[in-house]
C-alpha atoms as a PDB file:
ATOM      1  CA  UNK A   1     -54.303 -44.493 104.642  1.00  0.00           C
ATOM      2  CA  UNK A   2     -55.668 -40.959 104.864  1.00  0.00           C
ATOM      3  CA  UNK A   3     -52.586 -39.880 106.847  1.00  0.00           C
ATOM      4  CA  UNK A   4     -50.261 -41.458 104.258  1.00  0.00           C
ATOM      5  CA  UNK A   5     -52.149 -39.788 101.427  1.00  0.00           C
ATOM      6  CA  UNK A   6     -51.959 -36.411 103.119  1.00  0.00           C
ATOM      7  CA  UNK A   7     -48.226 -36.805 103.776  1.00  0.00           C
ATOM      8  CA  UNK A   8     -47.551 -37.713 100.111  1.00  0.00           C
ATOM      9  CA  UNK A   9     -49.623 -34.780  98.892  1.00  0.00           C
ATOM     10  CA  UNK A  10     -47.691 -32.341 101.048  1.00  0.00           C
ATOM     11  CA  UNK A  11     -44.346 -33.936 100.048  1.00  0.00           C
ATOM     12  CA  UNK A  12     -45.002 -33.643  96.304  1.00  0.00           C
ATOM     13  CA  UNK A  13     -46.342 -30.109  96.753  1.00  0.00           C
ATOM     14  CA  UNK A  14     -43.130 -29.072  98.503  1.00  0.00           C
ATOM     15  CA  UNK A  15     -40.979 -30.642  95.757  1.00  0.00           C
ATOM     16  CA  UNK A  16     -42.941 -28.902  93.045  1.00  0.00           C
ATOM     17  CA  UNK A  17     -42.505 -25.579  94.817  1.00  0.00           C
ATOM     18  CA  UNK A  18     -38.734 -26.112  95.159  1.00  0.00           C
ATOM     19  CA  UNK A  19     -38.161 -26.692  91.434  1.00  0.00           C
ATOM     20  CA  UNK A  20     -36.223 -23.991  89.612  1.00  0.00           C
ATOM     21  CA  UNK A  21     -38.288 -21.673  87.472  1.00  0.00           C
ATOM     22  CA  UNK A  22     -36.705 -21.818  83.997  1.00  0.00           C
ATOM     23  CA  UNK A  23     -38.575 -18.770  82.723  1.00  0.00           C
ATOM     24  CA  UNK A  24     -36.099 -15.838  82.646  1.00  0.00           C
ATOM     25  CA  UNK A  25     -37.097 -12.763  84.590  1.00  0.00           C
ATOM     26  CA  UNK A  26     -37.866  -9.778  82.432  1.00  0.00           C
ATOM     27  CA  UNK A  27     -37.926  -6.535  84.376  1.00  0.00           C
ATOM     28  CA  UNK A  28     -40.714  -4.147  83.496  1.00  0.00           C
ATOM     29  CA  UNK A  29     -39.796  -1.377  81.104  1.00  0.00           C
ATOM     30  CA  UNK A  30     -39.308   1.984  82.808  1.00  0.00           C
ATOM     31  CA  UNK A  31     -41.915   4.584  81.996  1.00  0.00           C
ATOM     32  CA  UNK A  32     -40.906   6.937  79.194  1.00  0.00           C
ATOM     33  CA  UNK A  33     -39.185  10.141  80.257  1.00  0.00           C
ATOM     34  CA  UNK A  34     -41.650  12.942  79.827  1.00  0.00           C
ATOM     35  CA  UNK A  35     -40.439  15.845  77.730  1.00  0.00           C
ATOM     36  CA  UNK A  36     -40.089  18.955  79.807  1.00  0.00           C
ATOM     37  CA  UNK A  37     -42.206  21.879  78.711  1.00  0.00           C
ATOM     38  CA  UNK A  38     -40.499  24.856  77.101  1.00  0.00           C
ATOM     39  CA  UNK A  39     -40.643  28.220  78.803  1.00  0.00           C
ATOM     40  CA  UNK A  40     -40.607  30.853  76.079  1.00  0.00           C
ATOM     41  CA  UNK A  41     -41.701  34.354  77.125  1.00  0.00           C
ATOM     42  CA  UNK A  42     -43.116  36.921  74.725  1.00  0.00           C
ATOM     43  CA  UNK A  43     -40.828  37.531  71.783  1.00  0.00           C
ATOM     44  CA  UNK A  44     -39.069  34.135  71.885  1.00  0.00           C
ATOM     45  CA  UNK A  45     -40.058  31.459  69.338  1.00  0.00           C
ATOM     46  CA  UNK A  46     -38.682  28.261  67.845  1.00  0.00           C
ATOM     47  CA  UNK A  47     -38.297  29.008  64.187  1.00  0.00           C
ATOM     48  CA  UNK A  48     -36.254  26.193  62.661  1.00  0.00           C
ATOM     49  CA  UNK A  49     -35.151  22.677  63.528  1.00  0.00           C
ATOM     50  CA  UNK A  50     -32.587  20.551  61.665  1.00  0.00           C
ATOM     51  CA  UNK A  51     -33.003  17.164  63.389  1.00  0.00           C
ATOM     52  CA  UNK A  52     -29.871  15.635  61.891  1.00  0.00           C
ATOM     53  CA  UNK A  53     -27.633  18.409  63.199  1.00  0.00           C
ATOM     54  CA  UNK A  54     -26.206  19.341  66.573  1.00  0.00           C
ATOM     55  CA  UNK A  55     -25.465  23.042  66.469  1.00  0.00           C
ATOM     56  CA  UNK A  56     -22.235  24.344  68.000  1.00  0.00           C
ATOM     57  CA  UNK A  57     -22.445  28.085  67.280  1.00  0.00           C
ATOM     58  CA  UNK A  58     -24.625  30.791  65.760  1.00  0.00           C
ATOM     59  CA  UNK A  59     -23.553  34.266  64.669  1.00  0.00           C
ATOM     60  CA  UNK A  60     -25.929  36.774  63.097  1.00  0.00           C
ATOM     61  CA  UNK A  61     -24.567  39.998  61.604  1.00  0.00           C
ATOM     62  CA  UNK A  62     -27.855  41.815  60.975  1.00  0.00           C
ATOM     63  CA  UNK A  63     -31.567  41.114  61.207  1.00  0.00           C
ATOM     64  CA  UNK A  64     -31.413  38.936  58.074  1.00  0.00           C
ATOM     65  CA  UNK A  65     -27.944  37.428  57.594  1.00  0.00           C
ATOM     66  CA  UNK A  66     -26.425  34.826  59.876  1.00  0.00           C
ATOM     67  CA  UNK A  67     -24.294  31.684  60.077  1.00  0.00           C
ATOM     68  CA  UNK A  68     -24.614  28.514  62.119  1.00  0.00           C
ATOM     69  CA  UNK A  69     -22.309  25.528  62.450  1.00  0.00           C
ATOM     70  CA  UNK A  70     -23.448  21.961  62.966  1.00  0.00           C
ATOM     71  CA  UNK A  71     -22.102  18.451  63.190  1.00  0.00           C
ATOM     72  CA  UNK A  72     -20.895  18.414  59.614  1.00  0.00           C
ATOM     73  CA  UNK A  73     -21.440  21.756  57.999  1.00  0.00           C
ATOM     74  CA  UNK A  74     -21.698  25.514  57.819  1.00  0.00           C
ATOM     75  CA  UNK A  75     -25.199  26.908  57.364  1.00  0.00           C
ATOM     76  CA  UNK A  76     -26.360  30.354  56.285  1.00  0.00           C
ATOM     77  CA  UNK A  77     -29.647  32.194  56.653  1.00  0.00           C
ATOM     78  CA  UNK A  78     -30.646  35.308  54.712  1.00  0.00           C
ATOM     79  CA  UNK A  79     -34.111  35.674  56.237  1.00  0.00           C
ATOM     80  CA  UNK A  80     -33.445  36.139  59.910  1.00  0.00           C
ATOM     81  CA  UNK A  81     -33.070  32.455  60.696  1.00  0.00           C
ATOM     82  CA  UNK A  82     -36.406  31.297  59.264  1.00  0.00           C
ATOM     83  CA  UNK A  83     -34.584  28.921  56.911  1.00  0.00           C
ATOM     84  CA  UNK A  84     -30.996  27.634  56.726  1.00  0.00           C
ATOM     85  CA  UNK A  85     -28.976  26.312  53.783  1.00  0.00           C
ATOM     86  CA  UNK A  86     -25.762  24.326  54.076  1.00  0.00           C
ATOM     87  CA  UNK A  87     -22.975  26.212  52.293  1.00  0.00           C
ATOM     88  CA  UNK A  88     -20.069  23.909  53.151  1.00  0.00           C
ATOM     89  CA  UNK A  89     -19.488  20.362  54.339  1.00  0.00           C
ATOM     90  CA  UNK A  90     -17.069  20.561  57.270  1.00  0.00           C
ATOM     91  CA  UNK A  91     -16.531  18.651  60.519  1.00  0.00           C
ATOM     92  CA  UNK A  92     -15.820  19.540  64.147  1.00  0.00           C
ATOM     93  CA  UNK A  93     -16.640  23.243  63.832  1.00  0.00           C
ATOM     94  CA  UNK A  94     -16.769  24.976  67.195  1.00  0.00           C
ATOM     95  CA  UNK A  95     -16.789  28.786  66.790  1.00  0.00           C
ATOM     96  CA  UNK A  96     -17.759  31.542  64.351  1.00  0.00           C
ATOM     97  CA  UNK A  97     -16.748  35.194  63.947  1.00  0.00           C
ATOM     98  CA  UNK A  98     -18.460  37.391  61.368  1.00  0.00           C
ATOM     99  CA  UNK A  99     -18.873  41.055  60.504  1.00  0.00           C
ATOM    100  CA  UNK A 100     -21.021  42.808  57.924  1.00  0.00           C
ATOM    101  CA  UNK A 101     -22.567  40.848  55.072  1.00  0.00           C
ATOM    102  CA  UNK A 102     -19.386  39.405  53.585  1.00  0.00           C
ATOM    103  CA  UNK A 103     -16.644  38.404  56.029  1.00  0.00           C
ATOM    104  CA  UNK A 104     -16.652  35.444  58.391  1.00  0.00           C
ATOM    105  CA  UNK A 105     -14.196  33.073  60.032  1.00  0.00           C
ATOM    106  CA  UNK A 106     -14.881  29.505  61.187  1.00  0.00           C
ATOM    107  CA  UNK A 107     -12.824  27.511  63.687  1.00  0.00           C
ATOM    108  CA  UNK A 108     -12.831  23.719  63.549  1.00  0.00           C
ATOM    109  CA  UNK A 109     -10.451  22.795  66.389  1.00  0.00           C
ATOM    110  CA  UNK A 110      -7.622  21.912  64.006  1.00  0.00           C
ATOM    111  CA  UNK A 111      -4.708  23.887  62.559  1.00  0.00           C
ATOM    112  CA  UNK A 112      -6.668  25.462  59.732  1.00  0.00           C
ATOM    113  CA  UNK A 113      -8.932  28.508  59.650  1.00  0.00           C
ATOM    114  CA  UNK A 114     -11.873  28.715  57.270  1.00  0.00           C
ATOM    115  CA  UNK A 115     -12.689  32.204  56.012  1.00  0.00           C
ATOM    116  CA  UNK A 116     -14.975  33.889  53.506  1.00  0.00           C
ATOM    117  CA  UNK A 117     -14.776  37.349  51.968  1.00  0.00           C
ATOM    118  CA  UNK A 118     -18.039  37.152  50.008  1.00  0.00           C
ATOM    119  CA  UNK A 119     -20.758  35.938  52.334  1.00  0.00           C
ATOM    120  CA  UNK A 120     -19.966  32.248  52.025  1.00  0.00           C
ATOM    121  CA  UNK A 121     -20.012  31.998  48.240  1.00  0.00           C
ATOM    122  CA  UNK A 122     -16.370  30.889  48.512  1.00  0.00           C
ATOM    123  CA  UNK A 123     -14.923  29.538  51.779  1.00  0.00           C
ATOM    124  CA  UNK A 124     -11.157  29.131  51.880  1.00  0.00           C
ATOM    125  CA  UNK A 125      -9.272  26.851  54.254  1.00  0.00           C
ATOM    126  CA  UNK A 126      -5.714  27.816  55.230  1.00  0.00           C
ATOM    127  CA  UNK A 127      -3.412  25.595  57.292  1.00  0.00           C
ATOM    128  CA  UNK A 128      -1.184  27.320  59.858  1.00  0.00           C
ATOM    129  CA  UNK A 129       1.800  26.210  61.896  1.00  0.00           C
ATOM    130  CA  UNK A 130       3.804  27.964  64.584  1.00  0.00           C
ATOM    131  CA  UNK A 131       7.491  27.741  65.594  1.00  0.00           C
ATOM    132  CA  UNK A 132       6.640  24.998  68.065  1.00  0.00           C
ATOM    133  CA  UNK A 133       4.833  22.913  65.460  1.00  0.00           C
ATOM    134  CA  UNK A 134       1.178  22.414  64.624  1.00  0.00           C
ATOM    135  CA  UNK A 135      -1.521  24.446  66.382  1.00  0.00           C
ATOM    136  CA  UNK A 136      -5.170  23.952  67.291  1.00  0.00           C
ATOM    137  CA  UNK A 137      -7.416  26.977  66.791  1.00  0.00           C
ATOM    138  CA  UNK A 138     -10.172  27.416  69.372  1.00  0.00           C
ATOM    139  CA  UNK A 139     -11.794  30.829  68.854  1.00  0.00           C
ATOM    140  CA  UNK A 140     -11.761  33.923  66.627  1.00  0.00           C
ATOM    141  CA  UNK A 141     -13.126  37.482  66.762  1.00  0.00           C
ATOM    142  CA  UNK A 142     -13.486  40.469  64.396  1.00  0.00           C
ATOM    143  CA  UNK A 143     -12.745  43.843  66.009  1.00  0.00           C
ATOM    144  CA  UNK A 144     -13.491  45.635  62.737  1.00  0.00           C
ATOM    145  CA  UNK A 145     -14.058  44.691  59.118  1.00  0.00           C
ATOM    146  CA  UNK A 146     -10.319  44.328  58.439  1.00  0.00           C
ATOM    147  CA  UNK A 147      -9.020  43.131  61.814  1.00  0.00           C
ATOM    148  CA  UNK A 148      -9.637  39.598  63.008  1.00  0.00           C
ATOM    149  CA  UNK A 149      -8.033  37.773  65.933  1.00  0.00           C
ATOM    150  CA  UNK A 150      -7.699  34.050  66.585  1.00  0.00           C
ATOM    151  CA  UNK A 151      -6.269  31.979  69.414  1.00  0.00           C
ATOM    152  CA  UNK A 152      -4.704  28.541  69.372  1.00  0.00           C
ATOM    153  CA  UNK A 153      -4.038  27.833  73.029  1.00  0.00           C
ATOM    154  CA  UNK A 154      -0.495  29.214  73.220  1.00  0.00           C
ATOM    155  CA  UNK A 155      -0.597  31.822  70.440  1.00  0.00           C
ATOM    156  CA  UNK A 156      -2.611  34.932  69.630  1.00  0.00           C
ATOM    157  CA  UNK A 157      -2.997  35.412  65.867  1.00  0.00           C
ATOM    158  CA  UNK A 158      -4.042  38.535  63.978  1.00  0.00           C
ATOM    159  CA  UNK A 159      -5.247  39.323  60.471  1.00  0.00           C
ATOM    160  CA  UNK A 160      -5.086  42.835  59.003  1.00  0.00           C
ATOM    161  CA  UNK A 161      -6.927  41.924  55.800  1.00  0.00           C
ATOM    162  CA  UNK A 162     -10.248  40.583  57.017  1.00  0.00           C
ATOM    163  CA  UNK A 163      -9.119  37.030  57.620  1.00  0.00           C
ATOM    164  CA  UNK A 164      -7.282  36.303  54.388  1.00  0.00           C
ATOM    165  CA  UNK A 165      -3.990  35.793  56.218  1.00  0.00           C
ATOM    166  CA  UNK A 166      -3.166  35.421  59.940  1.00  0.00           C
ATOM    167  CA  UNK A 167       0.148  35.659  61.743  1.00  0.00           C
ATOM    168  CA  UNK A 168       1.222  35.212  65.365  1.00  0.00           C
ATOM    169  CA  UNK A 169       1.544  38.366  67.482  1.00  0.00           C
ATOM    170  CA  UNK A 170       1.891  36.904  70.995  1.00  0.00           C
ATOM    171  CA  UNK A 171       3.073  33.709  72.670  1.00  0.00           C
ATOM    172  CA  UNK A 172       1.725  32.805  76.124  1.00  0.00           C
ATOM    173  CA  UNK A 173       4.660  30.335  76.392  1.00  0.00           C
ATOM    174  CA  UNK A 174       2.414  27.693  78.003  1.00  0.00           C
ATOM    175  CA  UNK A 175      -0.483  26.283  76.029  1.00  0.00           C
ATOM    176  CA  UNK A 176      -3.861  26.255  77.755  1.00  0.00           C
ATOM    177  CA  UNK A 177      -7.314  25.382  76.407  1.00  0.00           C
ATOM    178  CA  UNK A 178      -9.235  28.538  75.547  1.00  0.00           C
ATOM    179  CA  UNK A 179     -12.938  29.038  76.148  1.00  0.00           C
ATOM    180  CA  UNK A 180     -13.578  32.575  74.914  1.00  0.00           C
ATOM    181  CA  UNK A 181     -11.865  35.393  72.992  1.00  0.00           C
ATOM    182  CA  UNK A 182     -13.316  38.915  72.927  1.00  0.00           C
ATOM    183  CA  UNK A 183     -12.229  42.307  71.568  1.00  0.00           C
ATOM    184  CA  UNK A 184     -13.986  45.576  72.293  1.00  0.00           C
ATOM    185  CA  UNK A 185     -11.931  47.462  69.705  1.00  0.00           C
ATOM    186  CA  UNK A 186      -8.543  47.174  67.984  1.00  0.00           C
ATOM    187  CA  UNK A 187      -6.682  47.843  71.233  1.00  0.00           C
ATOM    188  CA  UNK A 188      -8.601  46.341  74.145  1.00  0.00           C
ATOM    189  CA  UNK A 189      -9.470  42.651  74.382  1.00  0.00           C
ATOM    190  CA  UNK A 190      -9.728  39.780  76.830  1.00  0.00           C
ATOM    191  CA  UNK A 191      -9.372  36.033  76.734  1.00  0.00           C
ATOM    192  CA  UNK A 192     -10.549  33.284  79.069  1.00  0.00           C
ATOM    193  CA  UNK A 193      -8.043  30.440  79.186  1.00  0.00           C
ATOM    194  CA  UNK A 194      -8.296  27.458  81.480  1.00  0.00           C
ATOM    195  CA  UNK A 195      -5.789  29.086  83.865  1.00  0.00           C
ATOM    196  CA  UNK A 196      -7.564  32.461  84.083  1.00  0.00           C
ATOM    197  CA  UNK A 197      -8.564  35.723  82.443  1.00  0.00           C
ATOM    198  CA  UNK A 198      -6.061  37.882  80.533  1.00  0.00           C
ATOM    199  CA  UNK A 199      -6.482  41.390  79.118  1.00  0.00           C
ATOM    200  CA  UNK A 200      -4.666  43.351  76.424  1.00  0.00           C
ATOM    201  CA  UNK A 201      -4.513  47.123  75.913  1.00  0.00           C
ATOM    202  CA  UNK A 202      -2.128  46.923  72.957  1.00  0.00           C
ATOM    203  CA  UNK A 203      -4.092  45.101  70.285  1.00  0.00           C
ATOM    204  CA  UNK A 204      -2.909  41.690  71.410  1.00  0.00           C
ATOM    205  CA  UNK A 205       0.841  42.265  71.425  1.00  0.00           C
ATOM    206  CA  UNK A 206       0.993  42.064  75.252  1.00  0.00           C
ATOM    207  CA  UNK A 207      -1.328  40.489  77.835  1.00  0.00           C
ATOM    208  CA  UNK A 208      -1.801  40.844  81.599  1.00  0.00           C
ATOM    209  CA  UNK A 209      -3.268  38.203  83.889  1.00  0.00           C
ATOM    210  CA  UNK A 210      -6.338  39.649  85.669  1.00  0.00           C
ATOM    211  CA  UNK A 211      -7.783  36.585  87.407  1.00  0.00           C
ATOM    212  CA  UNK A 212      -6.087  33.272  88.204  1.00  0.00           C
ATOM    213  CA  UNK A 213      -8.331  30.241  87.855  1.00  0.00           C
ATOM    214  CA  UNK A 214      -8.082  26.466  87.600  1.00  0.00           C
ATOM    215  CA  UNK A 215      -9.797  24.469  84.840  1.00  0.00           C
ATOM    216  CA  UNK A 216     -11.873  27.493  83.829  1.00  0.00           C
ATOM    217  CA  UNK A 217     -14.462  27.178  81.070  1.00  0.00           C
ATOM    218  CA  UNK A 218     -17.148  29.636  80.088  1.00  0.00           C
ATOM    219  CA  UNK A 219     -17.974  32.894  78.312  1.00  0.00           C
ATOM    220  CA  UNK A 220     -16.527  36.385  78.536  1.00  0.00           C
ATOM    221  CA  UNK A 221     -17.552  39.863  77.347  1.00  0.00           C
ATOM    222  CA  UNK A 222     -16.822  43.520  78.108  1.00  0.00           C
ATOM    223  CA  UNK A 223     -19.348  46.319  77.601  1.00  0.00           C
ATOM    224  CA  UNK A 224     -16.646  48.987  77.797  1.00  0.00           C
ATOM    225  CA  UNK A 225     -12.967  49.037  78.704  1.00  0.00           C
ATOM    226  CA  UNK A 226     -13.784  48.947  82.423  1.00  0.00           C
ATOM    227  CA  UNK A 227     -16.881  46.802  82.826  1.00  0.00           C
ATOM    228  CA  UNK A 228     -16.908  43.115  81.972  1.00  0.00           C
ATOM    229  CA  UNK A 229     -18.764  39.887  82.699  1.00  0.00           C
ATOM    230  CA  UNK A 230     -17.381  36.354  82.857  1.00  0.00           C
ATOM    231  CA  UNK A 231     -19.598  33.298  83.347  1.00  0.00           C
ATOM    232  CA  UNK A 232     -17.753  30.184  84.486  1.00  0.00           C
ATOM    233  CA  UNK A 233     -19.016  26.610  84.629  1.00  0.00           C
ATOM    234  CA  UNK A 234     -18.300  24.397  87.610  1.00  0.00           C
ATOM    235  CA  UNK A 235     -18.325  21.038  85.855  1.00  0.00           C
ATOM    236  CA  UNK A 236     -18.629  18.822  88.933  1.00  0.00           C
ATOM    237  CA  UNK A 237     -21.917  20.381  90.016  1.00  0.00           C
ATOM    238  CA  UNK A 238     -23.143  21.950  86.810  1.00  0.00           C
ATOM    239  CA  UNK A 239     -23.397  25.364  88.465  1.00  0.00           C
ATOM    240  CA  UNK A 240     -22.607  28.451  86.401  1.00  0.00           C
ATOM    241  CA  UNK A 241     -21.153  31.393  88.309  1.00  0.00           C
ATOM    242  CA  UNK A 242     -21.143  35.009  87.113  1.00  0.00           C
ATOM    243  CA  UNK A 243     -18.154  37.261  87.854  1.00  0.00           C
ATOM    244  CA  UNK A 244     -18.188  41.013  87.260  1.00  0.00           C
ATOM    245  CA  UNK A 245     -15.425  43.609  86.973  1.00  0.00           C
ATOM    246  CA  UNK A 246     -15.641  47.395  86.922  1.00  0.00           C
ATOM    247  CA  UNK A 247     -11.923  48.152  86.587  1.00  0.00           C
ATOM    248  CA  UNK A 248     -10.835  46.392  83.383  1.00  0.00           C
ATOM    249  CA  UNK A 249     -10.265  43.119  85.208  1.00  0.00           C
ATOM    250  CA  UNK A 250      -8.205  44.545  88.056  1.00  0.00           C
ATOM    251  CA  UNK A 251     -10.656  42.856  90.419  1.00  0.00           C
ATOM    252  CA  UNK A 252     -13.559  40.454  89.928  1.00  0.00           C
ATOM    253  CA  UNK A 253     -16.586  39.848  92.174  1.00  0.00           C
ATOM    254  CA  UNK A 254     -18.938  36.881  92.141  1.00  0.00           C
ATOM    255  CA  UNK A 255     -22.478  38.268  91.693  1.00  0.00           C
ATOM    256  CA  UNK A 256     -24.688  35.283  90.764  1.00  0.00           C
ATOM    257  CA  UNK A 257     -24.889  31.487  90.666  1.00  0.00           C
ATOM    258  CA  UNK A 258     -27.350  29.272  88.822  1.00  0.00           C
ATOM    259  CA  UNK A 259     -28.918  26.207  90.343  1.00  0.00           C
ATOM    260  CA  UNK A 260     -27.171  22.866  89.996  1.00  0.00           C
ATOM    261  CA  UNK A 261     -27.282  21.096  86.626  1.00  0.00           C
ATOM    262  CA  UNK A 262     -25.352  17.981  87.603  1.00  0.00           C
ATOM    263  CA  UNK A 263     -24.442  15.776  84.667  1.00  0.00           C
ATOM    264  CA  UNK A 264     -25.121  18.485  82.087  1.00  0.00           C
ATOM    265  CA  UNK A 265     -22.140  19.314  79.893  1.00  0.00           C
ATOM    266  CA  UNK A 266     -22.785  22.897  78.866  1.00  0.00           C
ATOM    267  CA  UNK A 267     -20.415  25.826  78.389  1.00  0.00           C
ATOM    268  CA  UNK A 268     -22.034  29.196  79.160  1.00  0.00           C
ATOM    269  CA  UNK A 269     -22.199  31.866  76.472  1.00  0.00           C
ATOM    270  CA  UNK A 270     -22.492  35.611  77.122  1.00  0.00           C
ATOM    271  CA  UNK A 271     -23.825  38.461  74.976  1.00  0.00           C
ATOM    272  CA  UNK A 272     -24.609  42.074  75.915  1.00  0.00           C
ATOM    273  CA  UNK A 273     -26.692  44.468  73.809  1.00  0.00           C
ATOM    274  CA  UNK A 274     -25.905  47.542  75.930  1.00  0.00           C
ATOM    275  CA  UNK A 275     -24.061  48.467  79.106  1.00  0.00           C
ATOM    276  CA  UNK A 276     -27.170  47.518  81.087  1.00  0.00           C
ATOM    277  CA  UNK A 277     -28.855  44.668  79.189  1.00  0.00           C
ATOM    278  CA  UNK A 278     -27.172  41.325  78.671  1.00  0.00           C
ATOM    279  CA  UNK A 279     -27.802  37.589  78.470  1.00  0.00           C
ATOM    280  CA  UNK A 280     -26.028  34.354  79.224  1.00  0.00           C
ATOM    281  CA  UNK A 281     -26.996  30.778  78.451  1.00  0.00           C
ATOM    282  CA  UNK A 282     -26.321  27.681  80.499  1.00  0.00           C
ATOM    283  CA  UNK A 283     -27.650  24.154  79.989  1.00  0.00           C
ATOM    284  CA  UNK A 284     -31.266  24.575  78.841  1.00  0.00           C
ATOM    285  CA  UNK A 285     -31.735  28.108  80.172  1.00  0.00           C
ATOM    286  CA  UNK A 286     -31.127  31.741  79.263  1.00  0.00           C
ATOM    287  CA  UNK A 287     -30.683  34.408  81.938  1.00  0.00           C
ATOM    288  CA  UNK A 288     -31.040  38.180  81.547  1.00  0.00           C
ATOM    289  CA  UNK A 289     -29.724  41.245  83.356  1.00  0.00           C
ATOM    290  CA  UNK A 290     -30.983  44.811  83.063  1.00  0.00           C
ATOM    291  CA  UNK A 291     -28.523  46.416  85.481  1.00  0.00           C
ATOM    292  CA  UNK A 292     -25.168  45.657  83.926  1.00  0.00           C
ATOM    293  CA  UNK A 293     -24.813  42.189  85.435  1.00  0.00           C
ATOM    294  CA  UNK A 294     -25.451  42.925  89.102  1.00  0.00           C
ATOM    295  CA  UNK A 295     -28.616  40.793  89.150  1.00  0.00           C
ATOM    296  CA  UNK A 296     -29.894  38.058  86.842  1.00  0.00           C
ATOM    297  CA  UNK A 297     -33.225  36.306  86.200  1.00  0.00           C
ATOM    298  CA  UNK A 298     -34.057  33.233  84.125  1.00  0.00           C
ATOM    299  CA  UNK A 299     -36.228  34.066  81.124  1.00  0.00           C
ATOM    300  CA  UNK A 300     -35.995  30.996  78.829  1.00  0.00           C
ATOM    301  CA  UNK A 301     -36.138  27.266  79.514  1.00  0.00           C
ATOM    302  CA  UNK A 302     -35.926  24.714  76.700  1.00  0.00           C
ATOM    303  CA  UNK A 303     -37.141  21.417  78.097  1.00  0.00           C
ATOM    304  CA  UNK A 304     -34.541  18.683  77.565  1.00  0.00           C
ATOM    305  CA  UNK A 305     -32.410  20.623  75.054  1.00  0.00           C
ATOM    306  CA  UNK A 306     -28.991  22.170  75.681  1.00  0.00           C
ATOM    307  CA  UNK A 307     -28.421  25.720  74.491  1.00  0.00           C
ATOM    308  CA  UNK A 308     -24.987  25.986  72.913  1.00  0.00           C
ATOM    309  CA  UNK A 309     -24.664  29.643  71.879  1.00  0.00           C
ATOM    310  CA  UNK A 310     -26.575  32.930  71.920  1.00  0.00           C
ATOM    311  CA  UNK A 311     -26.094  36.020  69.782  1.00  0.00           C
ATOM    312  CA  UNK A 312     -27.844  39.390  69.620  1.00  0.00           C
ATOM    313  CA  UNK A 313     -27.521  42.078  66.957  1.00  0.00           C
ATOM    314  CA  UNK A 314     -29.382  44.669  69.044  1.00  0.00           C
ATOM    315  CA  UNK A 315     -31.886  44.884  71.891  1.00  0.00           C
ATOM    316  CA  UNK A 316     -34.716  43.636  69.660  1.00  0.00           C
ATOM    317  CA  UNK A 317     -33.095  40.774  67.750  1.00  0.00           C
ATOM    318  CA  UNK A 318     -31.474  37.676  69.256  1.00  0.00           C
ATOM    319  CA  UNK A 319     -30.841  34.035  68.404  1.00  0.00           C
ATOM    320  CA  UNK A 320     -29.791  30.850  70.173  1.00  0.00           C
ATOM    321  CA  UNK A 321     -28.907  27.381  68.898  1.00  0.00           C
ATOM    322  CA  UNK A 322     -29.248  24.043  70.650  1.00  0.00           C
ATOM    323  CA  UNK A 323     -27.718  20.590  70.719  1.00  0.00           C
ATOM    324  CA  UNK A 324     -30.660  19.004  68.863  1.00  0.00           C
ATOM    325  CA  UNK A 325     -30.563  21.243  65.796  1.00  0.00           C
ATOM    326  CA  UNK A 326     -33.063  23.838  66.982  1.00  0.00           C
ATOM    327  CA  UNK A 327     -32.747  27.590  66.520  1.00  0.00           C
ATOM    328  CA  UNK A 328     -34.797  29.948  68.640  1.00  0.00           C
ATOM    329  CA  UNK A 329     -35.206  33.665  67.951  1.00  0.00           C
ATOM    330  CA  UNK A 330     -36.029  36.741  69.984  1.00  0.00           C
ATOM    331  CA  UNK A 331     -37.898  39.363  67.983  1.00  0.00           C
ATOM    332  CA  UNK A 332     -39.481  42.405  69.577  1.00  0.00           C
END
């Protein structure tokens, strides 16, 4: 009897253990991702955050007056970036050019250019088309208070009246996405298209290829007609690479690479305050050179934020904007 009882006990125990558990499995929640600490050296501070915006560009014309573009608007500051007021509702803005206190141009990746002649009190929108049909503007740049350039992939456009009216002055024949347009003066300029770097010595009426590239994206600036810096992003690895020229783009040398930022979509931006001192941003970091771009060192890190654009008015005043609506300022 004892043996039978023991056998039945084991049998029912095994059956009970073999029954399906109907309670669904709920995996444990992953621990929250810790916010990375900011690295802000002396002179750099966060001064304003607009949490409902994702900034795309910032352009400051003096220590007080500046513009920023966000997800759905154009913003203006008249106190050095301490506060920002929306001056126009507009979507898909990607780049700003401004000069002085009154004139500015805004690019929204469509076939219209938005311009102001009075500091944003009135912003006009003009639709443009080219012989081949509609265009898509990607960048703009003032070389002086009356002369403004724009690019729409295939065409270079120029305004002689401060942005009131633009017309085509050059056709690249093949359209390519454009990452950066820069003019040192009314004659010399450079452009970074996805197929390489081009330079003009004739105010944009003719262009020479100076560096052939594939799928290029990044920032470009010249400190004089000979010396220039281009920072390119390698999207597969997230590495930004700095190229330097000392002969107006006749030859380019790779001088620096950042560490990998895999998975980070960030287009580098470049700004120099003198022939020696310059900055570029990439992902959540800002790098600085004091020897004309030969060597670079990281000076700013912004936790989990992505820095979109940087802009300096002089060696003592600089600004940057981020993907989460934050503006940071350098004041020395």
